[in-house]
């Protein structure tokens, strides 16, 4: 709900602070007093396109702030959270600053935001009919959702959305599998050749390191054999280490008894050294015997090592990863061979999911058609009292092509009107005149009161071109609408004005240095009667006009 509106330096408004309440608020005043300026100013705070001419002459900038009560959720909570905007004490302040060069800045609770975000918030909080270019009820994109809420079709909408998600999931699985299959089939010949090459090699992880070590060993084999032979000679010759250690141990053991144990440690160490020397000699002999310096063996090792490395370069992987490459390619080939059966299974699943969506969408479409008939009938009942008895409102429901189906169903829903018998129907904003359009919007808002809960609704001269009983009917519908939303109306009709819970009068006055300023005053009971009398009588207010005004106010109970 709109709580306050603060306007500084907008056209003829110097400084203006307004407070609003629930119910129906009416704004009256003579033509040219500045009622449209008030709506222009509010439009700035709601994100409407700015015009530098709105800045009051002599001022550097215009500033407008609109404060809203969000103690009751209005559907913008997720949008606020998405942009990191916090609402304290249930209060939201939209502010716009416009400079004389046409530039503007937007703020939400004193945090700078984009104009587009300000506009999104403004459209969710306030709906204005008859003044701004953008009106939610005129946008066909909103008609489907409004019809669904009017028809209480939430369960069918959810079922359709669920079926759509299931169909999309099945279609995606089928598409991905078909793409993989197509790729595999295109590469089938290559895969078979590659699998043949790698399968013949049968690469094993860690094999490259082993082969490279064998190759290095064999390439330096002659030097290794020569060194090992010399070592064997030194260890096992006439004066070799093994014999020398044994001889030393025997000599020391002969005299050890006379040393009081002083040679025991030395003898033990030499004995261990003798054992290790014997073991070392045996291992050296074994290594020498195991050396395979067959040139054919070296050629075999090099041939396999080079072949493995060539395959690694070919597939862009390390040699140790070739086994995984082979396994993957075998898997792809298996997928090609078994793919037809898998694809057919996925095709059946996708067809079943599509049929389920089609059935859900058809049920929703049938329910929408029934709801549209109820809506059209309700609108027909509203149009006659509003002097639109020759007009016809219709809800058009057309089947969308499959490429445009969505989780919202397969229907294109649009509200259309025909203002004259026999004339073709068309979009509201293309067919209806300004005054007719406002009354169509009023009728639509009255019918959709429970389905379209915008907190604040403003009608600009909804009574244009009508009077008497028709104006009274307009006022009654505005009053009824105010039971579900805060309604503000700019009016020239005394019948409409008399229905208001709160009454403001817009007037001009002369300011300093001959300037003209617009002011707005809230009227008490006596002032309100005088204003309605003026609206009835014109320039000269008569006692008869005052009596008629009194009668209007008494008749409304307001």
Protein backbone atom coordinates (compact mmCIF):
# COMPACT_ATOMS: atom_id res chain seq x y z
CA UNK A 1 0.00 0.00 0.00
CA UNK A 2 1.17 3.53 -0.82
CA UNK A 3 1.72 5.37 2.47
CA UNK A 4 3.34 8.68 1.56
CA UNK A 5 4.41 10.64 -1.51
CA UNK A 6 7.04 13.36 -1.26
CA UNK A 7 7.47 15.68 -4.25
CA UNK A 8 10.14 18.38 -4.62
CA UNK A 9 10.46 20.69 -7.61
CA UNK A 10 8.28 18.88 -10.14
CA UNK A 11 6.74 21.28 -12.74
CA UNK A 12 4.43 23.50 -10.67
CA UNK A 13 4.99 21.68 -7.39
CA UNK A 14 7.54 23.22 -5.05
CA UNK A 15 7.30 20.94 -2.02
CA UNK A 16 4.46 18.57 -1.34
CA UNK A 17 4.02 15.84 1.26
CA UNK A 18 0.99 13.53 0.97
CA UNK A 19 -0.17 10.71 3.22
CA UNK A 20 -2.50 7.96 2.02
CA UNK A 21 -4.72 5.38 3.66
CA UNK A 22 -6.69 2.30 2.68
CA UNK A 23 -9.94 2.55 0.79
CA UNK A 24 -10.93 4.88 -2.03
CA UNK A 25 -9.13 8.19 -2.36
CA UNK A 26 -10.37 10.80 -4.84
CA UNK A 27 -8.51 13.79 -6.30
CA UNK A 28 -10.51 16.62 -7.81
CA UNK A 29 -9.80 20.11 -9.06
CA UNK A 30 -10.37 22.42 -11.94
CA UNK A 31 -8.95 21.56 -15.33
CA UNK A 32 -5.29 22.57 -15.47
CA UNK A 33 -4.87 22.66 -11.71
CA UNK A 34 -2.13 20.08 -11.86
CA UNK A 35 -3.72 16.68 -11.25
CA UNK A 36 -1.70 15.16 -14.09
CA UNK A 37 1.47 16.59 -12.55
CA UNK A 38 0.81 14.53 -9.44
CA UNK A 39 0.61 11.35 -11.52
CA UNK A 40 3.71 12.37 -13.49
CA UNK A 41 5.57 12.77 -10.22
CA UNK A 42 4.41 9.40 -8.93
CA UNK A 43 5.44 7.90 -12.25
CA UNK A 44 9.01 9.07 -11.65
CA UNK A 45 9.14 7.15 -8.37
CA UNK A 46 7.71 4.08 -10.12
CA UNK A 47 10.40 3.99 -12.80
CA UNK A 48 8.47 5.54 -15.71
CA UNK A 49 10.57 7.17 -18.43
CA UNK A 50 11.75 10.57 -17.24
CA UNK A 51 11.46 13.89 -19.08
CA UNK A 52 13.72 16.80 -18.13
CA UNK A 53 10.74 19.15 -18.53
CA UNK A 54 9.36 17.74 -15.28
CA UNK A 55 12.05 19.65 -13.33
CA UNK A 56 10.50 22.86 -12.00
CA UNK A 57 11.76 26.02 -13.70
CA UNK A 58 14.68 27.45 -11.75
CA UNK A 59 15.41 24.23 -9.85
CA UNK A 60 18.48 22.05 -10.45
CA UNK A 61 16.72 18.77 -9.93
CA UNK A 62 13.39 17.14 -9.14
CA UNK A 63 13.05 14.54 -6.39
CA UNK A 64 10.15 12.18 -5.72
CA UNK A 65 9.93 9.57 -2.95
CA UNK A 66 7.12 7.04 -2.54
CA UNK A 67 6.85 5.02 0.66
CA UNK A 68 5.05 1.67 0.69
CA UNK A 69 3.84 -0.57 3.50
CA UNK A 70 5.01 -4.15 2.88
CA UNK A 71 3.73 -5.63 6.12
CA UNK A 72 1.55 -7.83 3.90
CA UNK A 73 3.47 -9.80 1.19
CA UNK A 74 2.90 -8.38 -2.30
CA UNK A 75 5.01 -10.75 -4.40
CA UNK A 76 8.22 -8.71 -4.71
CA UNK A 77 10.08 -10.35 -1.84
CA UNK A 78 12.13 -12.63 -4.12
CA UNK A 79 13.06 -9.70 -6.36
CA UNK A 80 14.26 -7.67 -3.38
CA UNK A 81 16.27 -10.60 -2.04
CA UNK A 82 17.82 -11.24 -5.46
CA UNK A 83 19.22 -7.69 -5.50
CA UNK A 84 20.28 -7.68 -1.86
CA UNK A 85 17.67 -5.10 -0.80
CA UNK A 86 16.57 -5.26 2.81
CA UNK A 87 13.19 -4.05 4.05
CA UNK A 88 13.13 -2.82 7.63
CA UNK A 89 9.90 -2.53 9.61
CA UNK A 90 7.89 -3.48 6.52
CA UNK A 91 8.67 -0.17 4.77
CA UNK A 92 9.93 0.24 1.21
CA UNK A 93 10.97 3.64 -0.15
CA UNK A 94 11.31 4.20 -3.91
CA UNK A 95 13.15 7.44 -4.76
CA UNK A 96 14.04 9.07 -8.06
CA UNK A 97 16.18 12.14 -8.72
CA UNK A 98 15.88 13.85 -12.13
CA UNK A 99 18.26 16.62 -13.24
CA UNK A 100 17.73 19.31 -15.85
CA UNK A 101 19.89 17.44 -18.39
CA UNK A 102 17.44 14.53 -18.35
CA UNK A 103 19.60 12.19 -16.32
CA UNK A 104 18.09 10.38 -13.38
CA UNK A 105 19.15 8.19 -10.49
CA UNK A 106 17.07 5.61 -8.67
CA UNK A 107 17.19 4.42 -5.07
CA UNK A 108 15.41 1.75 -3.05
CA UNK A 109 15.67 2.25 0.71
CA UNK A 110 18.56 4.65 -0.03
CA UNK A 111 20.49 2.01 -1.98
CA UNK A 112 21.24 2.97 -5.62
CA UNK A 113 19.51 0.68 -8.13
CA UNK A 114 18.92 0.54 -11.88
CA UNK A 115 15.91 2.27 -13.41
CA UNK A 116 14.74 -1.10 -14.77
CA UNK A 117 14.66 -2.57 -11.25
CA UNK A 118 12.79 0.49 -9.97
CA UNK A 119 10.28 0.01 -12.78
CA UNK A 120 9.83 -3.70 -11.99
CA UNK A 121 9.13 -2.89 -8.35
CA UNK A 122 6.84 -0.02 -9.29
CA UNK A 123 4.74 -2.17 -11.63
CA UNK A 124 4.26 -4.74 -8.87
CA UNK A 125 3.23 -2.11 -6.33
CA UNK A 126 1.07 0.31 -8.31
CA UNK A 127 -1.12 -0.10 -11.37
CA UNK A 128 -2.11 3.09 -13.16
CA UNK A 129 -4.87 3.20 -15.77
CA UNK A 130 -5.22 6.02 -18.24
CA UNK A 131 -1.91 7.80 -17.69
CA UNK A 132 1.23 5.75 -18.22
CA UNK A 133 2.18 3.93 -21.39
CA UNK A 134 2.71 0.62 -19.61
CA UNK A 135 -0.38 -0.99 -18.10
CA UNK A 136 -0.12 -4.56 -16.86
CA UNK A 137 -3.65 -5.56 -17.81
CA UNK A 138 -3.03 -4.45 -21.38
CA UNK A 139 -0.05 -6.76 -21.81
CA UNK A 140 -1.13 -10.03 -23.42
CA UNK A 141 1.77 -11.79 -21.68
CA UNK A 142 -0.11 -11.34 -18.38
CA UNK A 143 -3.52 -12.51 -19.60
CA UNK A 144 -2.85 -16.24 -19.34
CA UNK A 145 -1.79 -15.98 -15.71
CA UNK A 146 -4.77 -13.77 -14.83
CA UNK A 147 -7.18 -16.24 -16.45
CA UNK A 148 -5.57 -19.15 -14.56
CA UNK A 149 -5.96 -17.40 -11.22
CA UNK A 150 -9.53 -16.31 -12.05
CA UNK A 151 -10.41 -19.90 -12.98
CA UNK A 152 -8.65 -21.37 -9.90
CA UNK A 153 -6.53 -23.56 -12.17
CA UNK A 154 -3.47 -23.84 -9.92
CA UNK A 155 -3.53 -27.66 -9.67
CA UNK A 156 -3.87 -28.10 -13.43
CA UNK A 157 -1.09 -25.56 -14.03
CA UNK A 158 1.20 -27.44 -11.63
CA UNK A 159 0.39 -30.76 -13.29
CA UNK A 160 1.17 -29.29 -16.70
CA UNK A 161 4.44 -27.81 -15.46
CA UNK A 162 5.47 -31.15 -13.93
CA UNK A 163 4.62 -32.98 -17.16
CA UNK A 164 6.60 -30.41 -19.13
CA UNK A 165 9.67 -30.87 -16.93
CA UNK A 166 9.42 -34.66 -17.35
CA UNK A 167 9.11 -34.32 -21.12
CA UNK A 168 12.08 -31.94 -21.30
CA UNK A 169 14.18 -34.35 -19.23
CA UNK A 170 13.28 -37.28 -21.49
CA UNK A 171 13.83 -35.23 -24.66
CA UNK A 172 17.23 -34.06 -23.41
CA UNK A 173 18.28 -37.63 -22.59
CA UNK A 174 17.21 -38.76 -26.06
CA UNK A 175 18.94 -35.86 -27.78
CA UNK A 176 22.20 -36.39 -25.91
CA UNK A 177 22.18 -40.11 -26.65
CA UNK A 178 21.38 -39.53 -30.31
CA UNK A 179 24.21 -37.01 -30.57
CA UNK A 180 26.65 -39.40 -28.96
CA UNK A 181 25.46 -42.17 -31.27
CA UNK A 182 25.84 -39.98 -34.35
CA UNK A 183 29.34 -39.00 -33.29
CA UNK A 184 30.27 -42.61 -32.57
CA UNK A 185 28.94 -43.77 -35.93
CA UNK A 186 30.87 -41.08 -37.76
CA UNK A 187 34.00 -42.24 -35.95
CA UNK A 188 33.26 -45.97 -36.06
CA UNK A 189 35.90 -46.82 -38.72
CA UNK A 190 38.51 -44.77 -36.91
CA UNK A 191 37.59 -46.41 -33.60
CA UNK A 192 37.91 -49.91 -35.00
CA UNK A 193 41.31 -49.11 -36.51
CA UNK A 194 42.53 -47.46 -33.30
CA UNK A 195 41.25 -50.31 -31.15
CA UNK A 196 43.02 -52.76 -33.47
CA UNK A 197 46.33 -50.90 -33.10
CA UNK A 198 46.13 -50.49 -29.34
CA UNK A 199 44.65 -53.93 -28.84
CA UNK A 200 47.66 -55.47 -30.61
CA UNK A 201 50.02 -53.52 -28.36
CA UNK A 202 47.92 -54.23 -25.23
CA UNK A 203 49.56 -51.40 -23.23
CA UNK A 204 49.94 -51.80 -19.48
CA UNK A 205 50.32 -49.04 -16.88
CA UNK A 206 53.96 -48.64 -15.78
CA UNK A 207 55.26 -50.48 -18.83
CA UNK A 208 57.10 -47.49 -20.28
CA UNK A 209 59.27 -47.10 -17.21
CA UNK A 210 60.19 -50.81 -17.22
CA UNK A 211 61.03 -50.85 -20.94
CA UNK A 212 63.02 -47.64 -20.72
CA UNK A 213 65.04 -49.11 -17.83
CA UNK A 214 65.73 -52.35 -19.77
CA UNK A 215 66.80 -50.39 -22.83
CA UNK A 216 69.18 -48.20 -20.84
CA UNK A 217 70.65 -51.29 -19.19
CA UNK A 218 71.21 -53.13 -22.45
CA UNK A 219 72.66 -50.07 -24.20
CA UNK A 220 75.38 -49.92 -21.51
CA UNK A 221 75.64 -53.71 -21.08
CA UNK A 222 79.27 -54.23 -22.21
CA UNK A 223 80.62 -51.69 -19.73
CA UNK A 224 78.50 -53.21 -16.98
CA UNK A 225 79.73 -56.76 -17.72
CA UNK A 226 83.32 -55.58 -17.76
CA UNK A 227 82.93 -53.81 -14.41
CA UNK A 228 81.19 -56.80 -12.82
CA UNK A 229 83.88 -59.19 -14.06
CA UNK A 230 86.62 -57.05 -12.61
CA UNK A 231 84.77 -56.85 -9.33
CA UNK A 232 84.41 -60.62 -9.28
CA UNK A 233 88.14 -61.00 -9.85
CA UNK A 234 88.92 -58.67 -6.98
CA UNK A 235 86.54 -60.48 -4.65
CA UNK A 236 87.31 -64.06 -5.57
CA UNK A 237 90.95 -63.98 -6.72
CA UNK A 238 93.97 -65.34 -4.80
CA UNK A 239 94.10 -62.20 -2.74
CA UNK A 240 90.41 -61.49 -2.90
CA UNK A 241 88.42 -59.86 -0.12
CA UNK A 242 86.60 -63.05 0.82
CA UNK A 243 89.82 -65.01 1.34
CA UNK A 244 91.53 -62.12 3.11
CA UNK A 245 88.67 -61.68 5.56
CA UNK A 246 88.60 -65.43 6.30
CA UNK A 247 92.36 -65.55 6.85
CA UNK A 248 92.26 -62.49 9.15
CA UNK A 249 89.51 -64.04 11.27
CA UNK A 250 91.47 -67.32 11.69
CA UNK A 251 94.65 -65.49 12.73
CA UNK A 252 92.83 -63.42 15.34
CA UNK A 253 90.97 -66.40 16.73
CA UNK A 254 94.31 -68.13 17.45
CA UNK A 255 95.37 -65.39 19.88
CA UNK A 256 92.00 -64.18 21.08
CA UNK A 257 92.12 -66.36 24.21
CA UNK A 258 95.02 -64.39 25.59
CA UNK A 259 93.43 -60.92 25.15
CA UNK A 260 90.72 -61.11 27.75
CA UNK A 261 87.99 -60.57 25.14
CA UNK A 262 89.50 -57.46 23.67
CA UNK A 263 89.43 -58.95 20.11
CA UNK A 264 85.88 -60.34 20.29
CA UNK A 265 84.25 -57.26 18.78
CA UNK A 266 86.78 -57.05 15.96
CA UNK A 267 86.43 -60.77 15.19
CA UNK A 268 82.60 -60.43 15.13
CA UNK A 269 82.72 -57.48 12.74
CA UNK A 270 85.13 -59.30 10.41
CA UNK A 271 82.96 -62.41 10.46
CA UNK A 272 79.88 -60.32 9.47
CA UNK A 273 81.89 -58.63 6.77
CA UNK A 274 82.95 -62.04 5.49
CA UNK A 275 79.30 -63.19 5.34
CA UNK A 276 78.23 -59.95 3.52
CA UNK A 277 81.15 -60.28 1.12
CA UNK A 278 80.12 -63.85 0.32
CA UNK A 279 76.49 -62.69 -0.26
CA UNK A 280 77.65 -59.76 -2.39
CA UNK A 281 79.80 -62.09 -4.49
CA UNK A 282 76.84 -64.43 -5.04
CA UNK A 283 74.55 -61.57 -6.06
CA UNK A 284 77.16 -60.16 -8.38
CA UNK A 285 77.58 -63.55 -10.05
CA UNK A 286 73.79 -63.83 -10.42
CA UNK A 287 73.50 -60.34 -11.93
CA UNK A 288 76.30 -61.16 -14.34
CA UNK A 289 74.59 -64.40 -15.38
CA UNK A 290 71.22 -62.60 -15.79
CA UNK A 291 72.58 -59.96 -18.14
CA UNK A 292 70.98 -60.47 -21.57
CA UNK A 293 72.95 -58.54 -24.13
CA UNK A 294 71.32 -60.21 -27.10
CA UNK A 295 71.02 -57.47 -29.78
CA UNK A 296 67.68 -58.96 -30.86
CA UNK A 297 66.31 -58.47 -27.36
CA UNK A 298 67.42 -54.80 -27.37
CA UNK A 299 65.71 -54.32 -30.72
CA UNK A 300 62.48 -55.84 -29.39
CA UNK A 301 62.51 -53.59 -26.31
CA UNK A 302 63.18 -50.47 -28.39
CA UNK A 303 60.55 -51.38 -30.95
CA UNK A 304 57.81 -51.78 -28.30
CA UNK A 305 58.90 -48.69 -26.36
CA UNK A 306 58.87 -46.51 -29.48
CA UNK A 307 55.53 -47.98 -30.60
CA UNK A 308 53.93 -47.17 -27.25
CA UNK A 309 55.28 -43.64 -27.28
CA UNK A 310 54.04 -43.11 -30.85
CA UNK A 311 50.54 -44.17 -29.78
CA UNK A 312 50.72 -41.83 -26.81
CA UNK A 313 51.52 -38.90 -29.12
CA UNK A 314 48.79 -39.96 -31.54
CA UNK A 315 46.11 -39.94 -28.86
CA UNK A 316 47.55 -37.00 -26.94
CA UNK A 317 48.03 -38.86 -23.67
CA UNK A 318 50.84 -40.24 -21.53
CA UNK A 319 51.90 -43.81 -22.34
CA UNK A 320 50.57 -44.98 -18.98
CA UNK A 321 47.08 -43.70 -19.98
CA UNK A 322 46.89 -45.70 -23.21
CA UNK A 323 45.17 -48.59 -21.42
CA UNK A 324 42.35 -46.20 -20.39
CA UNK A 325 42.12 -44.86 -23.96
CA UNK A 326 41.74 -48.38 -25.28
CA UNK A 327 39.03 -49.20 -22.72
CA UNK A 328 37.13 -46.00 -23.59
CA UNK A 329 37.22 -46.66 -27.32
CA UNK A 330 36.05 -50.23 -26.78
CA UNK A 331 33.16 -48.76 -24.75
CA UNK A 332 32.27 -46.39 -27.60
CA UNK A 333 32.25 -49.24 -30.06
CA UNK A 334 30.04 -51.24 -27.74
CA UNK A 335 27.69 -48.25 -27.54
CA UNK A 336 27.47 -48.19 -31.33
CA UNK A 337 26.74 -51.87 -31.46
CA UNK A 338 24.15 -51.69 -28.65
CA UNK A 339 23.01 -48.11 -29.32
CA UNK A 340 19.98 -48.81 -31.49
CA UNK A 341 18.22 -50.68 -28.72
CA UNK A 342 19.08 -47.96 -26.18
CA UNK A 343 17.90 -45.21 -28.53
CA UNK A 344 14.61 -46.99 -29.14
CA UNK A 345 14.11 -47.26 -25.39
CA UNK A 346 14.77 -43.54 -24.96
CA UNK A 347 12.47 -42.73 -27.88
CA UNK A 348 9.68 -44.68 -26.22
CA UNK A 349 10.28 -42.83 -22.95
CA UNK A 350 10.27 -39.45 -24.72
CA UNK A 351 7.06 -40.31 -26.58
CA UNK A 352 5.38 -41.36 -23.36
CA UNK A 353 6.47 -38.14 -21.62
CA UNK A 354 5.27 -36.04 -24.56
CA UNK A 355 1.89 -37.76 -24.48
CA UNK A 356 1.63 -37.10 -20.73
CA UNK A 357 2.38 -33.41 -21.30
CA UNK A 358 -0.12 -33.25 -24.17
CA UNK A 359 -2.83 -34.74 -21.98
CA UNK A 360 -2.08 -32.33 -19.12
CA UNK A 361 -1.98 -29.35 -21.48
CA UNK A 362 -5.29 -30.42 -23.05
CA UNK A 363 -6.96 -30.67 -19.63
CA UNK A 364 -5.62 -27.22 -18.78
CA UNK A 365 -6.79 -25.83 -22.11
CA UNK A 366 -10.29 -27.23 -21.56
CA UNK A 367 -10.43 -25.69 -18.09
CA UNK A 368 -9.17 -22.38 -19.48
CA UNK A 369 -11.90 -22.38 -22.10
CA UNK A 370 -14.52 -22.87 -19.39
CA UNK A 371 -12.94 -20.16 -17.22
CA UNK A 372 -12.83 -17.81 -20.22
CA UNK A 373 -16.58 -18.22 -20.73
CA UNK A 374 -17.19 -17.34 -17.07
CA UNK A 375 -14.87 -14.35 -17.34
CA UNK A 376 -16.55 -13.10 -20.53
CA UNK A 377 -19.98 -13.46 -18.90
CA UNK A 378 -18.84 -11.58 -15.80
CA UNK A 379 -17.38 -8.82 -17.97
CA UNK A 380 -20.63 -8.53 -19.93
CA UNK A 381 -22.43 -7.89 -16.66
CA UNK A 382 -19.98 -5.11 -15.80
CA UNK A 383 -19.93 -3.31 -19.17
CA UNK A 384 -23.62 -2.40 -19.48
CA UNK A 385 -23.80 -0.22 -16.33
CA UNK A 386 -20.58 1.50 -17.47
CA UNK A 387 -22.27 2.68 -20.69
CA UNK A 388 -20.41 0.07 -22.73
CA UNK A 389 -23.48 -2.00 -23.52
CA UNK A 390 -22.57 -2.17 -27.22
CA UNK A 391 -19.07 -3.39 -26.48
CA UNK A 392 -18.11 -7.05 -26.29
CA UNK A 393 -15.26 -8.45 -24.23
CA UNK A 394 -13.87 -11.83 -25.25
CA UNK A 395 -11.05 -14.04 -24.05
CA UNK A 396 -9.22 -15.50 -27.02
CA UNK A 397 -7.57 -18.91 -26.53
CA UNK A 398 -5.53 -20.20 -29.47
CA UNK A 399 -3.42 -23.35 -29.73
CA UNK A 400 0.27 -22.53 -29.95
CA UNK A 401 2.58 -24.35 -32.38
CA UNK A 402 4.63 -27.06 -30.68
CA UNK A 403 7.78 -24.94 -30.87
CA UNK A 404 6.10 -22.47 -28.49
CA UNK A 405 4.74 -24.95 -25.95
CA UNK A 406 6.03 -24.40 -22.45
CA UNK A 407 5.55 -25.42 -18.85
CA UNK A 408 2.61 -22.98 -18.86
CA UNK A 409 0.75 -25.04 -21.43
CA UNK A 410 0.04 -24.86 -25.16
CA UNK A 411 -2.38 -21.92 -25.17
CA UNK A 412 -2.06 -18.32 -26.31
CA UNK A 413 -4.48 -16.28 -24.17
CA UNK A 414 -5.42 -12.69 -24.97
CA UNK A 415 -8.16 -10.33 -23.78
CA UNK A 416 -9.88 -8.64 -26.72
CA UNK A 417 -12.74 -6.18 -27.20
CA UNK A 418 -15.10 -4.98 -29.86
CA UNK A 419 -16.68 -1.59 -29.15
CA UNK A 420 -19.34 -1.69 -31.89
CA UNK A 421 -21.68 -4.46 -33.03
CA UNK A 422 -20.26 -6.35 -36.00
CA UNK A 423 -16.81 -4.80 -35.62
CA UNK A 424 -13.88 -7.24 -35.33
CA UNK A 425 -12.31 -7.81 -31.94
CA UNK A 426 -8.82 -6.63 -31.19
CA UNK A 427 -6.40 -5.82 -28.34
CA UNK A 428 -7.80 -3.54 -25.66
CA UNK A 429 -5.35 -0.69 -26.24
CA UNK A 430 -5.83 -0.80 -30.02
CA UNK A 431 -9.64 -0.78 -30.10
CA UNK A 432 -10.86 1.26 -27.13
CA UNK A 433 -10.65 5.05 -26.84
CA UNK A 434 -9.08 6.68 -23.79
CA UNK A 435 -12.30 6.95 -21.76
CA UNK A 436 -13.52 3.53 -22.88
CA UNK A 437 -10.18 1.97 -22.05
CA UNK A 438 -10.28 3.21 -18.46
CA UNK A 439 -13.79 1.82 -18.02
CA UNK A 440 -12.78 -1.49 -19.57
CA UNK A 441 -9.90 -1.60 -17.10
CA UNK A 442 -12.25 -0.78 -14.24
CA UNK A 443 -14.61 -3.58 -15.27
CA UNK A 444 -11.72 -6.00 -15.66
CA UNK A 445 -10.27 -5.03 -12.29
CA UNK A 446 -13.69 -5.49 -10.68
CA UNK A 447 -14.05 -9.00 -12.16
CA UNK A 448 -10.44 -9.95 -11.41
CA UNK A 449 -10.42 -8.44 -7.92
CA UNK A 450 -9.40 -11.74 -6.31
CA UNK A 451 -7.10 -12.84 -9.15
CA UNK A 452 -5.08 -9.65 -9.60
CA UNK A 453 -4.06 -8.28 -6.23
CA UNK A 454 -1.91 -5.23 -6.95
CA UNK A 455 -1.74 -3.27 -3.66
CA UNK A 456 -2.48 0.15 -5.17
CA UNK A 457 -4.60 0.93 -8.24
CA UNK A 458 -4.93 4.40 -9.75
CA UNK A 459 -7.53 5.47 -12.33
CA UNK A 460 -6.97 8.71 -14.21
CA UNK A 461 -10.28 10.24 -15.31
CA UNK A 462 -12.05 6.88 -15.62
CA UNK A 463 -15.29 8.91 -15.82
CA UNK A 464 -14.28 10.78 -18.99
CA UNK A 465 -17.31 11.48 -21.22
CA UNK A 466 -19.93 10.02 -18.87
CA UNK A 467 -22.23 11.32 -16.18
CA UNK A 468 -25.38 10.63 -14.23
CA UNK A 469 -26.18 6.99 -13.55
CA UNK A 470 -23.15 5.76 -15.49
CA UNK A 471 -20.82 7.89 -13.39
CA UNK A 472 -22.56 6.62 -10.27
CA UNK A 473 -22.00 3.04 -11.48
CA UNK A 474 -18.30 3.83 -11.99
CA UNK A 475 -18.11 5.22 -8.47
CA UNK A 476 -19.80 2.15 -7.01
CA UNK A 477 -17.33 -0.17 -8.74
CA UNK A 478 -14.39 1.90 -7.58
CA UNK A 479 -15.69 1.76 -4.02
CA UNK A 480 -16.18 -2.01 -4.25
CA UNK A 481 -12.70 -2.44 -5.69
CA UNK A 482 -11.27 -0.49 -2.74
CA UNK A 483 -12.36 -3.29 -0.44
CA UNK A 484 -9.57 -5.43 -1.88
CA UNK A 485 -6.98 -2.79 -2.79
CA UNK A 486 -6.01 0.80 -2.18
CA UNK A 487 -7.71 2.77 -4.98
CA UNK A 488 -6.94 6.34 -6.02
CA UNK A 489 -8.94 8.09 -8.72
CA UNK A 490 -8.51 11.41 -10.49
CA UNK A 491 -12.02 12.50 -11.37
CA UNK A 492 -14.22 15.31 -12.69
CA UNK A 493 -17.40 13.46 -11.71
CA UNK A 494 -19.22 14.51 -8.53
CA UNK A 495 -20.87 11.06 -8.44
CA UNK A 496 -17.45 9.39 -8.36
CA UNK A 497 -15.99 11.93 -5.93
CA UNK A 498 -18.84 11.35 -3.50
CA UNK A 499 -17.83 7.68 -3.15
CA UNK A 500 -14.39 8.48 -1.76
CA UNK A 501 -13.19 7.66 1.73
CA UNK A 502 -10.61 10.45 1.48
CA UNK A 503 -10.90 13.54 -0.73
CA UNK A 504 -8.04 15.75 -1.94
CA UNK A 505 -8.43 18.97 -3.90
CA UNK A 506 -5.75 20.02 -6.37
CA UNK A 507 -5.48 23.77 -6.96
CA UNK A 508 -3.18 26.48 -8.26
CA UNK A 509 -1.98 29.48 -6.30
CA UNK A 510 0.38 32.37 -6.94
CA UNK A 511 3.75 32.04 -5.29
CA UNK A 512 6.69 34.37 -4.84
CA UNK A 513 7.68 36.64 -7.71
CA UNK A 514 4.48 35.83 -9.60
CA UNK A 515 5.19 32.12 -9.94
CA UNK A 516 2.28 29.68 -10.09
CA UNK A 517 2.38 26.66 -7.81
CA UNK A 518 0.21 23.57 -7.47
CA UNK A 519 -0.97 22.57 -4.03
CA UNK A 520 -3.06 19.67 -2.74
CA UNK A 521 -5.30 19.86 0.32
CA UNK A 522 -7.17 17.13 2.13
CA UNK A 523 -10.78 18.18 2.61
CA UNK A 524 -12.91 17.95 5.72
CA UNK A 525 -16.64 17.24 5.53
CA UNK A 526 -17.69 20.84 4.88
CA UNK A 527 -14.94 21.50 2.36
CA UNK A 528 -15.74 18.29 0.60
CA UNK A 529 -19.41 19.24 0.24
CA UNK A 530 -18.39 22.60 -1.20
CA UNK A 531 -15.99 20.96 -3.71
CA UNK A 532 -18.63 18.50 -4.92
CA UNK A 533 -21.09 21.41 -5.21
CA UNK A 534 -18.54 23.24 -7.37
CA UNK A 535 -18.21 20.14 -9.55
CA UNK A 536 -22.00 20.09 -9.94
CA UNK A 537 -22.57 23.81 -10.52
CA UNK A 538 -19.43 25.04 -12.24
CA UNK A 539 -18.05 28.54 -11.64
CA UNK A 540 -20.89 29.74 -9.40
CA UNK A 541 -21.83 27.46 -6.54
CA UNK A 542 -25.53 27.67 -5.72
CA UNK A 543 -27.54 26.50 -2.76
CA UNK A 544 -29.17 23.98 -5.05
CA UNK A 545 -25.73 22.59 -5.90
CA UNK A 546 -24.85 22.38 -2.22
CA UNK A 547 -28.06 20.53 -1.53
CA UNK A 548 -27.35 18.13 -4.37
CA UNK A 549 -23.82 17.61 -3.03
CA UNK A 550 -25.24 16.93 0.42
CA UNK A 551 -27.64 14.42 -1.10
CA UNK A 552 -24.83 12.64 -2.96
CA UNK A 553 -22.71 12.35 0.17
CA UNK A 554 -25.64 11.17 2.26
CA UNK A 555 -26.54 8.60 -0.37
CA UNK A 556 -23.08 7.07 -0.33
CA UNK A 557 -22.68 7.01 3.43
CA UNK A 558 -19.13 8.21 2.95
